[in-house]
Amino acid sequence: MSWEELMNAVVLIESHGFEFFIVENRVKVRHNTDHCIDLVFEIETGSNKKDAVYQSIIKFERITGINLSLIHISEPTRPLYIS
């Protein structure tokens, strides 16, 4: 899966009220509500950030039950900032 396809999935995750972060060696997914921000999960990236992003997207679908339909994503992507 290309970075563009992965970032399209991240945009969809964020459109459902979640935040998707890549910080140092971790991917974090948080859920925003009116009252608080809850950590949904966190994954260590190791040396392969692309694989960690992919695994995070799969885990997000499994935990939330939201199907992102990765095959049919056609929205524009946003830049990925990795620190």
PDB file of N, CA and C in Angstrom:
ATOM      1  N   MET A   1       0.842  -1.169   0.000  1.00  0.00           N
ATOM      2  CA  MET A   1       0.000   0.000   0.000  1.00  0.00           C
ATOM      3  C   MET A   1       0.897   1.244   0.000  1.00  0.00           C
ATOM      4  N   SER A   2       0.545   2.228  -0.791  1.00  0.00           N
ATOM      5  CA  SER A   2       1.381   3.429  -0.903  1.00  0.00           C
ATOM      6  C   SER A   2       1.107   4.391   0.256  1.00  0.00           C
ATOM      7  N   TRP A   3       2.035   5.342   0.465  1.00  0.00           N
ATOM      8  CA  TRP A   3       1.825   6.372   1.489  1.00  0.00           C
ATOM      9  C   TRP A   3       0.553   7.158   1.177  1.00  0.00           C
ATOM     10  N   GLU A   4       0.290   7.422  -0.086  1.00  0.00           N
ATOM     11  CA  GLU A   4      -0.909   8.180  -0.460  1.00  0.00           C
ATOM     12  C   GLU A   4      -2.181   7.453  -0.010  1.00  0.00           C
ATOM     13  N   GLU A   5      -2.242   6.155  -0.246  1.00  0.00           N
ATOM     14  CA  GLU A   5      -3.402   5.376   0.183  1.00  0.00           C
ATOM     15  C   GLU A   5      -3.529   5.357   1.703  1.00  0.00           C
ATOM     16  N   LEU A   6      -2.399   5.232   2.386  1.00  0.00           N
ATOM     17  CA  LEU A   6      -2.415   5.249   3.850  1.00  0.00           C
ATOM     18  C   LEU A   6      -2.907   6.590   4.375  1.00  0.00           C
ATOM     19  N   MET A   7      -2.444   7.673   3.783  1.00  0.00           N
ATOM     20  CA  MET A   7      -2.846   8.995   4.246  1.00  0.00           C
ATOM     21  C   MET A   7      -4.323   9.271   3.949  1.00  0.00           C
ATOM     22  N   ASN A   8      -4.846   8.709   2.882  1.00  0.00           N
ATOM     23  CA  ASN A   8      -6.283   8.808   2.613  1.00  0.00           C
ATOM     24  C   ASN A   8      -7.075   8.140   3.735  1.00  0.00           C
ATOM     25  N   ALA A   9      -6.589   7.002   4.201  1.00  0.00           N
ATOM     26  CA  ALA A   9      -7.251   6.313   5.311  1.00  0.00           C
ATOM     27  C   ALA A   9      -7.161   7.139   6.588  1.00  0.00           C
ATOM     28  N   VAL A  10      -6.033   7.789   6.809  1.00  0.00           N
ATOM     29  CA  VAL A  10      -5.873   8.654   7.992  1.00  0.00           C
ATOM     30  C   VAL A  10      -6.869   9.810   7.931  1.00  0.00           C
ATOM     31  N   VAL A  11      -7.060  10.395   6.763  1.00  0.00           N
ATOM     32  CA  VAL A  11      -8.041  11.479   6.599  1.00  0.00           C
ATOM     33  C   VAL A  11      -9.440  10.974   6.968  1.00  0.00           C
ATOM     34  N   LEU A  12      -9.770   9.766   6.559  1.00  0.00           N
ATOM     35  CA  LEU A  12     -11.075   9.192   6.910  1.00  0.00           C
ATOM     36  C   LEU A  12     -11.197   8.957   8.413  1.00  0.00           C
ATOM     37  N   ILE A  13     -10.133   8.482   9.033  1.00  0.00           N
ATOM     38  CA  ILE A  13     -10.140   8.299  10.488  1.00  0.00           C
ATOM     39  C   ILE A  13     -10.419   9.628  11.168  1.00  0.00           C
ATOM     40  N   GLU A  14      -9.733  10.670  10.723  1.00  0.00           N
ATOM     41  CA  GLU A  14      -9.905  11.989  11.330  1.00  0.00           C
ATOM     42  C   GLU A  14     -11.298  12.559  11.054  1.00  0.00           C
ATOM     43  N   SER A  15     -11.911  12.184   9.942  1.00  0.00           N
ATOM     44  CA  SER A  15     -13.259  12.665   9.642  1.00  0.00           C
ATOM     45  C   SER A  15     -14.314  12.061  10.576  1.00  0.00           C
ATOM     46  N   HIS A  16     -13.938  11.003  11.293  1.00  0.00           N
ATOM     47  CA  HIS A  16     -14.834  10.371  12.262  1.00  0.00           C
ATOM     48  C   HIS A  16     -14.599  10.888  13.682  1.00  0.00           C
ATOM     49  N   GLY A  17     -13.835  11.980  13.829  1.00  0.00           N
ATOM     50  CA  GLY A  17     -13.612  12.576  15.141  1.00  0.00           C
ATOM     51  C   GLY A  17     -12.432  12.003  15.911  1.00  0.00           C
ATOM     52  N   PHE A  18     -11.532  11.348  15.212  1.00  0.00           N
ATOM     53  CA  PHE A  18     -10.347  10.779  15.847  1.00  0.00           C
ATOM     54  C   PHE A  18      -9.115  11.580  15.436  1.00  0.00           C
ATOM     55  N   GLU A  19      -8.076  11.538  16.254  1.00  0.00           N
ATOM     56  CA  GLU A  19      -6.785  12.139  15.916  1.00  0.00           C
ATOM     57  C   GLU A  19      -5.794  11.007  15.689  1.00  0.00           C
ATOM     58  N   PHE A  20      -4.981  11.143  14.656  1.00  0.00           N
ATOM     59  CA  PHE A  20      -3.990  10.130  14.286  1.00  0.00           C
ATOM     60  C   PHE A  20      -2.630  10.811  14.307  1.00  0.00           C
ATOM     61  N   PHE A  21      -1.731  10.357  15.179  1.00  0.00           N
ATOM     62  CA  PHE A  21      -0.422  10.978  15.333  1.00  0.00           C
ATOM     63  C   PHE A  21       0.699   9.987  15.089  1.00  0.00           C
ATOM     64  N   ILE A  22       1.760  10.472  14.478  1.00  0.00           N
ATOM     65  CA  ILE A  22       3.018   9.730  14.450  1.00  0.00           C
ATOM     66  C   ILE A  22       4.016  10.623  15.170  1.00  0.00           C
ATOM     67  N   VAL A  23       4.444  10.165  16.355  1.00  0.00           N
ATOM     68  CA  VAL A  23       5.355  10.950  17.176  1.00  0.00           C
ATOM     69  C   VAL A  23       6.534  10.060  17.532  1.00  0.00           C
ATOM     70  N   GLU A  24       7.726  10.492  17.110  1.00  0.00           N
ATOM     71  CA  GLU A  24       8.957   9.745  17.334  1.00  0.00           C
ATOM     72  C   GLU A  24       8.775   8.297  16.896  1.00  0.00           C
ATOM     73  N   ASN A  25       8.691   7.359  17.828  1.00  0.00           N
ATOM     74  CA  ASN A  25       8.600   5.949  17.441  1.00  0.00           C
ATOM     75  C   ASN A  25       7.243   5.346  17.788  1.00  0.00           C
ATOM     76  N   ARG A  26       6.190   6.176  17.780  1.00  0.00           N
ATOM     77  CA  ARG A  26       4.855   5.690  18.134  1.00  0.00           C
ATOM     78  C   ARG A  26       3.785   6.251  17.208  1.00  0.00           C
ATOM     79  N   VAL A  27       2.768   5.427  16.956  1.00  0.00           N
ATOM     80  CA  VAL A  27       1.535   5.878  16.307  1.00  0.00           C
ATOM     81  C   VAL A  27       0.488   5.900  17.405  1.00  0.00           C
ATOM     82  N   LYS A  28      -0.217   7.031  17.534  1.00  0.00           N
ATOM     83  CA  LYS A  28      -1.262   7.164  18.547  1.00  0.00           C
ATOM     84  C   LYS A  28      -2.572   7.535  17.865  1.00  0.00           C
ATOM     85  N   VAL A  29      -3.651   6.924  18.317  1.00  0.00           N
ATOM     86  CA  VAL A  29      -4.982   7.272  17.838  1.00  0.00           C
ATOM     87  C   VAL A  29      -5.801   7.659  19.065  1.00  0.00           C
ATOM     88  N   ARG A  30      -6.343   8.883  19.007  1.00  0.00           N
ATOM     89  CA  ARG A  30      -7.159   9.392  20.114  1.00  0.00           C
ATOM     90  C   ARG A  30      -8.536   9.773  19.594  1.00  0.00           C
ATOM     91  N   HIS A  31      -9.526   9.737  20.481  1.00  0.00           N
ATOM     92  CA  HIS A  31     -10.886  10.110  20.124  1.00  0.00           C
ATOM     93  C   HIS A  31     -11.256  11.397  20.841  1.00  0.00           C
ATOM     94  N   ASN A  32     -11.735  12.375  20.075  1.00  0.00           N
ATOM     95  CA  ASN A  32     -12.173  13.652  20.637  1.00  0.00           C
ATOM     96  C   ASN A  32     -13.662  13.609  20.912  1.00  0.00           C
ATOM     97  N   THR A  33     -14.033  13.984  22.110  1.00  0.00           N
ATOM     98  CA  THR A  33     -15.440  14.181  22.427  1.00  0.00           C
ATOM     99  C   THR A  33     -15.579  15.605  22.941  1.00  0.00           C
ATOM    100  N   ASP A  34     -16.776  16.009  23.241  1.00  0.00           N
ATOM    101  CA  ASP A  34     -16.981  17.359  23.766  1.00  0.00           C
ATOM    102  C   ASP A  34     -16.321  17.558  25.122  1.00  0.00           C
ATOM    103  N   HIS A  35     -16.116  16.474  25.865  1.00  0.00           N
ATOM    104  CA  HIS A  35     -15.649  16.593  27.236  1.00  0.00           C
ATOM    105  C   HIS A  35     -14.199  16.174  27.447  1.00  0.00           C
ATOM    106  N   CYS A  36     -13.669  15.337  26.579  1.00  0.00           N
ATOM    107  CA  CYS A  36     -12.309  14.864  26.806  1.00  0.00           C
ATOM    108  C   CYS A  36     -11.723  14.245  25.532  1.00  0.00           C
ATOM    109  N   ILE A  37     -10.448  13.920  25.626  1.00  0.00           N
ATOM    110  CA  ILE A  37      -9.753  13.204  24.556  1.00  0.00           C
ATOM    111  C   ILE A  37      -9.278  11.881  25.140  1.00  0.00           C
ATOM    112  N   ASP A  38      -9.749  10.775  24.586  1.00  0.00           N
ATOM    113  CA  ASP A  38      -9.394   9.445  25.074  1.00  0.00           C
ATOM    114  C   ASP A  38      -8.426   8.774  24.119  1.00  0.00           C
ATOM    115  N   LEU A  39      -7.364   8.189  24.672  1.00  0.00           N
ATOM    116  CA  LEU A  39      -6.444   7.395  23.867  1.00  0.00           C
ATOM    117  C   LEU A  39      -7.141   6.095  23.490  1.00  0.00           C
ATOM    118  N   VAL A  40      -7.244   5.832  22.186  1.00  0.00           N
ATOM    119  CA  VAL A  40      -7.868   4.598  21.719  1.00  0.00           C
ATOM    120  C   VAL A  40      -6.835   3.480  21.716  1.00  0.00           C
ATOM    121  N   PHE A  41      -5.663   3.755  21.137  1.00  0.00           N
ATOM    122  CA  PHE A  41      -4.552   2.808  21.181  1.00  0.00           C
ATOM    123  C   PHE A  41      -3.270   3.490  20.768  1.00  0.00           C
ATOM    124  N   GLU A  42      -2.176   2.792  21.006  1.00  0.00           N
ATOM    125  CA  GLU A  42      -0.838   3.282  20.673  1.00  0.00           C
ATOM    126  C   GLU A  42      -0.027   2.091  20.180  1.00  0.00           C
ATOM    127  N   ILE A  43       0.748   2.300  19.112  1.00  0.00           N
ATOM    128  CA  ILE A  43       1.579   1.232  18.541  1.00  0.00           C
ATOM    129  C   ILE A  43       2.993   1.771  18.355  1.00  0.00           C
ATOM    130  N   GLU A  44       3.996   0.971  18.721  1.00  0.00           N
ATOM    131  CA  GLU A  44       5.383   1.354  18.447  1.00  0.00           C
ATOM    132  C   GLU A  44       5.673   1.137  16.966  1.00  0.00           C
ATOM    133  N   THR A  45       6.390   2.099  16.366  1.00  0.00           N
ATOM    134  CA  THR A  45       6.656   2.006  14.934  1.00  0.00           C
ATOM    135  C   THR A  45       7.905   1.198  14.618  1.00  0.00           C
ATOM    136  N   GLY A  46       8.853   1.166  15.523  1.00  0.00           N
ATOM    137  CA  GLY A  46      10.111   0.516  15.199  1.00  0.00           C
ATOM    138  C   GLY A  46      10.779   1.261  14.055  1.00  0.00           C
ATOM    139  N   SER A  47      11.400   0.541  13.157  1.00  0.00           N
ATOM    140  CA  SER A  47      12.100   1.189  12.046  1.00  0.00           C
ATOM    141  C   SER A  47      11.219   1.365  10.814  1.00  0.00           C
ATOM    142  N   ASN A  48      10.047   0.742  10.789  1.00  0.00           N
ATOM    143  CA  ASN A  48       9.195   0.800   9.606  1.00  0.00           C
ATOM    144  C   ASN A  48       7.898   1.552   9.914  1.00  0.00           C
ATOM    145  N   LYS A  49       7.940   2.868   9.738  1.00  0.00           N
ATOM    146  CA  LYS A  49       6.777   3.701  10.043  1.00  0.00           C
ATOM    147  C   LYS A  49       5.588   3.389   9.128  1.00  0.00           C
ATOM    148  N   LYS A  50       5.870   3.099   7.874  1.00  0.00           N
ATOM    149  CA  LYS A  50       4.790   2.805   6.923  1.00  0.00           C
ATOM    150  C   LYS A  50       4.006   1.570   7.364  1.00  0.00           C
ATOM    151  N   ASP A  51       4.699   0.528   7.774  1.00  0.00           N
ATOM    152  CA  ASP A  51       4.037  -0.681   8.234  1.00  0.00           C
ATOM    153  C   ASP A  51       3.243  -0.401   9.513  1.00  0.00           C
ATOM    154  N   ALA A  52       3.787   0.409  10.401  1.00  0.00           N
ATOM    155  CA  ALA A  52       3.090   0.740  11.648  1.00  0.00           C
ATOM    156  C   ALA A  52       1.808   1.523  11.363  1.00  0.00           C
ATOM    157  N   VAL A  53       1.842   2.423  10.382  1.00  0.00           N
ATOM    158  CA  VAL A  53       0.641   3.174  10.008  1.00  0.00           C
ATOM    159  C   VAL A  53      -0.403   2.204   9.460  1.00  0.00           C
ATOM    160  N   TYR A  54       0.010   1.296   8.605  1.00  0.00           N
ATOM    161  CA  TYR A  54      -0.912   0.303   8.043  1.00  0.00           C
ATOM    162  C   TYR A  54      -1.538  -0.542   9.160  1.00  0.00           C
ATOM    163  N   GLN A  55      -0.704  -1.048  10.072  1.00  0.00           N
ATOM    164  CA  GLN A  55      -1.204  -1.861  11.180  1.00  0.00           C
ATOM    165  C   GLN A  55      -2.158  -1.054  12.071  1.00  0.00           C
ATOM    166  N   SER A  56      -1.885   0.233  12.242  1.00  0.00           N
ATOM    167  CA  SER A  56      -2.755   1.102  13.037  1.00  0.00           C
ATOM    168  C   SER A  56      -4.117   1.264  12.378  1.00  0.00           C
ATOM    169  N   ILE A  57      -4.128   1.389  11.065  1.00  0.00           N
ATOM    170  CA  ILE A  57      -5.394   1.526  10.334  1.00  0.00           C
ATOM    171  C   ILE A  57      -6.226   0.254  10.494  1.00  0.00           C
ATOM    172  N   ILE A  58      -5.589  -0.904  10.367  1.00  0.00           N
ATOM    173  CA  ILE A  58      -6.286  -2.184  10.532  1.00  0.00           C
ATOM    174  C   ILE A  58      -6.817  -2.308  11.957  1.00  0.00           C
ATOM    175  N   LYS A  59      -5.987  -1.941  12.939  1.00  0.00           N
ATOM    176  CA  LYS A  59      -6.406  -2.016  14.337  1.00  0.00           C
ATOM    177  C   LYS A  59      -7.574  -1.063  14.594  1.00  0.00           C
ATOM    178  N   PHE A  60      -7.533   0.135  14.005  1.00  0.00           N
ATOM    179  CA  PHE A  60      -8.622   1.099  14.148  1.00  0.00           C
ATOM    180  C   PHE A  60      -9.937   0.501  13.657  1.00  0.00           C
ATOM    181  N   GLU A  61      -9.901  -0.110  12.480  1.00  0.00           N
ATOM    182  CA  GLU A  61     -11.112  -0.734  11.924  1.00  0.00           C
ATOM    183  C   GLU A  61     -11.640  -1.826  12.852  1.00  0.00           C
ATOM    184  N   ARG A  62     -10.736  -2.630  13.384  1.00  0.00           N
ATOM    185  CA  ARG A  62     -11.132  -3.742  14.252  1.00  0.00           C
ATOM    186  C   ARG A  62     -11.740  -3.228  15.568  1.00  0.00           C
ATOM    187  N   ILE A  63     -11.139  -2.207  16.177  1.00  0.00           N
ATOM    188  CA  ILE A  63     -11.603  -1.693  17.464  1.00  0.00           C
ATOM    189  C   ILE A  63     -12.918  -0.934  17.323  1.00  0.00           C
ATOM    190  N   THR A  64     -13.026  -0.077  16.300  1.00  0.00           N
ATOM    191  CA  THR A  64     -14.192   0.801  16.171  1.00  0.00           C
ATOM    192  C   THR A  64     -15.327   0.200  15.356  1.00  0.00           C
ATOM    193  N   GLY A  65     -15.019  -0.777  14.513  1.00  0.00           N
ATOM    194  CA  GLY A  65     -16.029  -1.325  13.620  1.00  0.00           C
ATOM    195  C   GLY A  65     -16.307  -0.440  12.416  1.00  0.00           C
ATOM    196  N   ILE A  66     -15.518   0.621  12.258  1.00  0.00           N
ATOM    197  CA  ILE A  66     -15.667   1.534  11.120  1.00  0.00           C
ATOM    198  C   ILE A  66     -14.851   0.982   9.958  1.00  0.00           C
ATOM    199  N   ASN A  67     -15.505   0.676   8.841  1.00  0.00           N
ATOM    200  CA  ASN A  67     -14.826   0.166   7.654  1.00  0.00           C
ATOM    201  C   ASN A  67     -14.373   1.344   6.802  1.00  0.00           C
ATOM    202  N   LEU A  68     -13.082   1.469   6.611  1.00  0.00           N
ATOM    203  CA  LEU A  68     -12.529   2.586   5.847  1.00  0.00           C
ATOM    204  C   LEU A  68     -12.474   2.307   4.356  1.00  0.00           C
ATOM    205  N   SER A  69     -12.802   1.099   3.929  1.00  0.00           N
ATOM    206  CA  SER A  69     -12.790   0.734   2.508  1.00  0.00           C
ATOM    207  C   SER A  69     -11.525   1.225   1.815  1.00  0.00           C
ATOM    208  N   LEU A  70     -10.401   0.738   2.260  1.00  0.00           N
ATOM    209  CA  LEU A  70      -9.106   1.200   1.755  1.00  0.00           C
ATOM    210  C   LEU A  70      -8.959   1.067   0.248  1.00  0.00           C
ATOM    211  N   ILE A  71      -9.648   0.131  -0.349  1.00  0.00           N
ATOM    212  CA  ILE A  71      -9.520  -0.081  -1.798  1.00  0.00           C
ATOM    213  C   ILE A  71     -10.169   1.056  -2.581  1.00  0.00           C
ATOM    214  N   HIS A  72     -11.209   1.680  -2.025  1.00  0.00           N
ATOM    215  CA  HIS A  72     -11.995   2.653  -2.773  1.00  0.00           C
ATOM    216  C   HIS A  72     -11.798   4.093  -2.323  1.00  0.00           C
ATOM    217  N   ILE A  73     -10.702   4.370  -1.646  1.00  0.00           N
ATOM    218  CA  ILE A  73     -10.465   5.730  -1.157  1.00  0.00           C
ATOM    219  C   ILE A  73     -10.008   6.609  -2.315  1.00  0.00           C
ATOM    220  N   SER A  74     -10.632   7.770  -2.477  1.00  0.00           N
ATOM    221  CA  SER A  74     -10.230   8.656  -3.566  1.00  0.00           C
ATOM    222  C   SER A  74     -10.112  10.113  -3.114  1.00  0.00           C
ATOM    223  N   GLU A  75     -10.184  10.373  -1.807  1.00  0.00           N
ATOM    224  CA  GLU A  75     -10.049  11.749  -1.331  1.00  0.00           C
ATOM    225  C   GLU A  75      -8.593  12.198  -1.418  1.00  0.00           C
ATOM    226  N   PRO A  76      -8.368  13.508  -1.548  1.00  0.00           N
ATOM    227  CA  PRO A  76      -6.988  13.998  -1.573  1.00  0.00           C
ATOM    228  C   PRO A  76      -6.311  13.776  -0.227  1.00  0.00           C
ATOM    229  N   THR A  77      -5.017  13.683  -0.259  1.00  0.00           N
ATOM    230  CA  THR A  77      -4.272  13.415   0.975  1.00  0.00           C
ATOM    231  C   THR A  77      -3.716  14.710   1.541  1.00  0.00           C
ATOM    232  N   ARG A  78      -3.294  14.606   2.775  1.00  0.00           N
ATOM    233  CA  ARG A  78      -2.590  15.727   3.414  1.00  0.00           C
ATOM    234  C   ARG A  78      -1.161  15.271   3.661  1.00  0.00           C
ATOM    235  N   PRO A  79      -0.239  16.226   3.815  1.00  0.00           N
ATOM    236  CA  PRO A  79       1.152  15.830   4.044  1.00  0.00           C
ATOM    237  C   PRO A  79       1.305  15.084   5.371  1.00  0.00           C
ATOM    238  N   LEU A  80       2.248  14.187   5.427  1.00  0.00           N
ATOM    239  CA  LEU A  80       2.557  13.450   6.647  1.00  0.00           C
ATOM    240  C   LEU A  80       3.782  14.082   7.279  1.00  0.00           C
ATOM    241  N   TYR A  81       3.671  14.448   8.528  1.00  0.00           N
ATOM    242  CA  TYR A  81       4.801  15.019   9.257  1.00  0.00           C
ATOM    243  C   TYR A  81       5.270  14.012  10.277  1.00  0.00           C
ATOM    244  N   ILE A  82       6.492  13.553  10.136  1.00  0.00           N
ATOM    245  CA  ILE A  82       7.068  12.565  11.033  1.00  0.00           C
ATOM    246  C   ILE A  82       8.194  13.242  11.787  1.00  0.00           C
ATOM    247  N   SER A  83       8.094  13.203  13.110  1.00  0.00           N
ATOM    248  CA  SER A  83       9.162  13.821  13.913  1.00  0.00           C
ATOM    249  C   SER A  83      10.171  12.802  14.334  1.00  0.00           C
TER     250      SER A  83
END
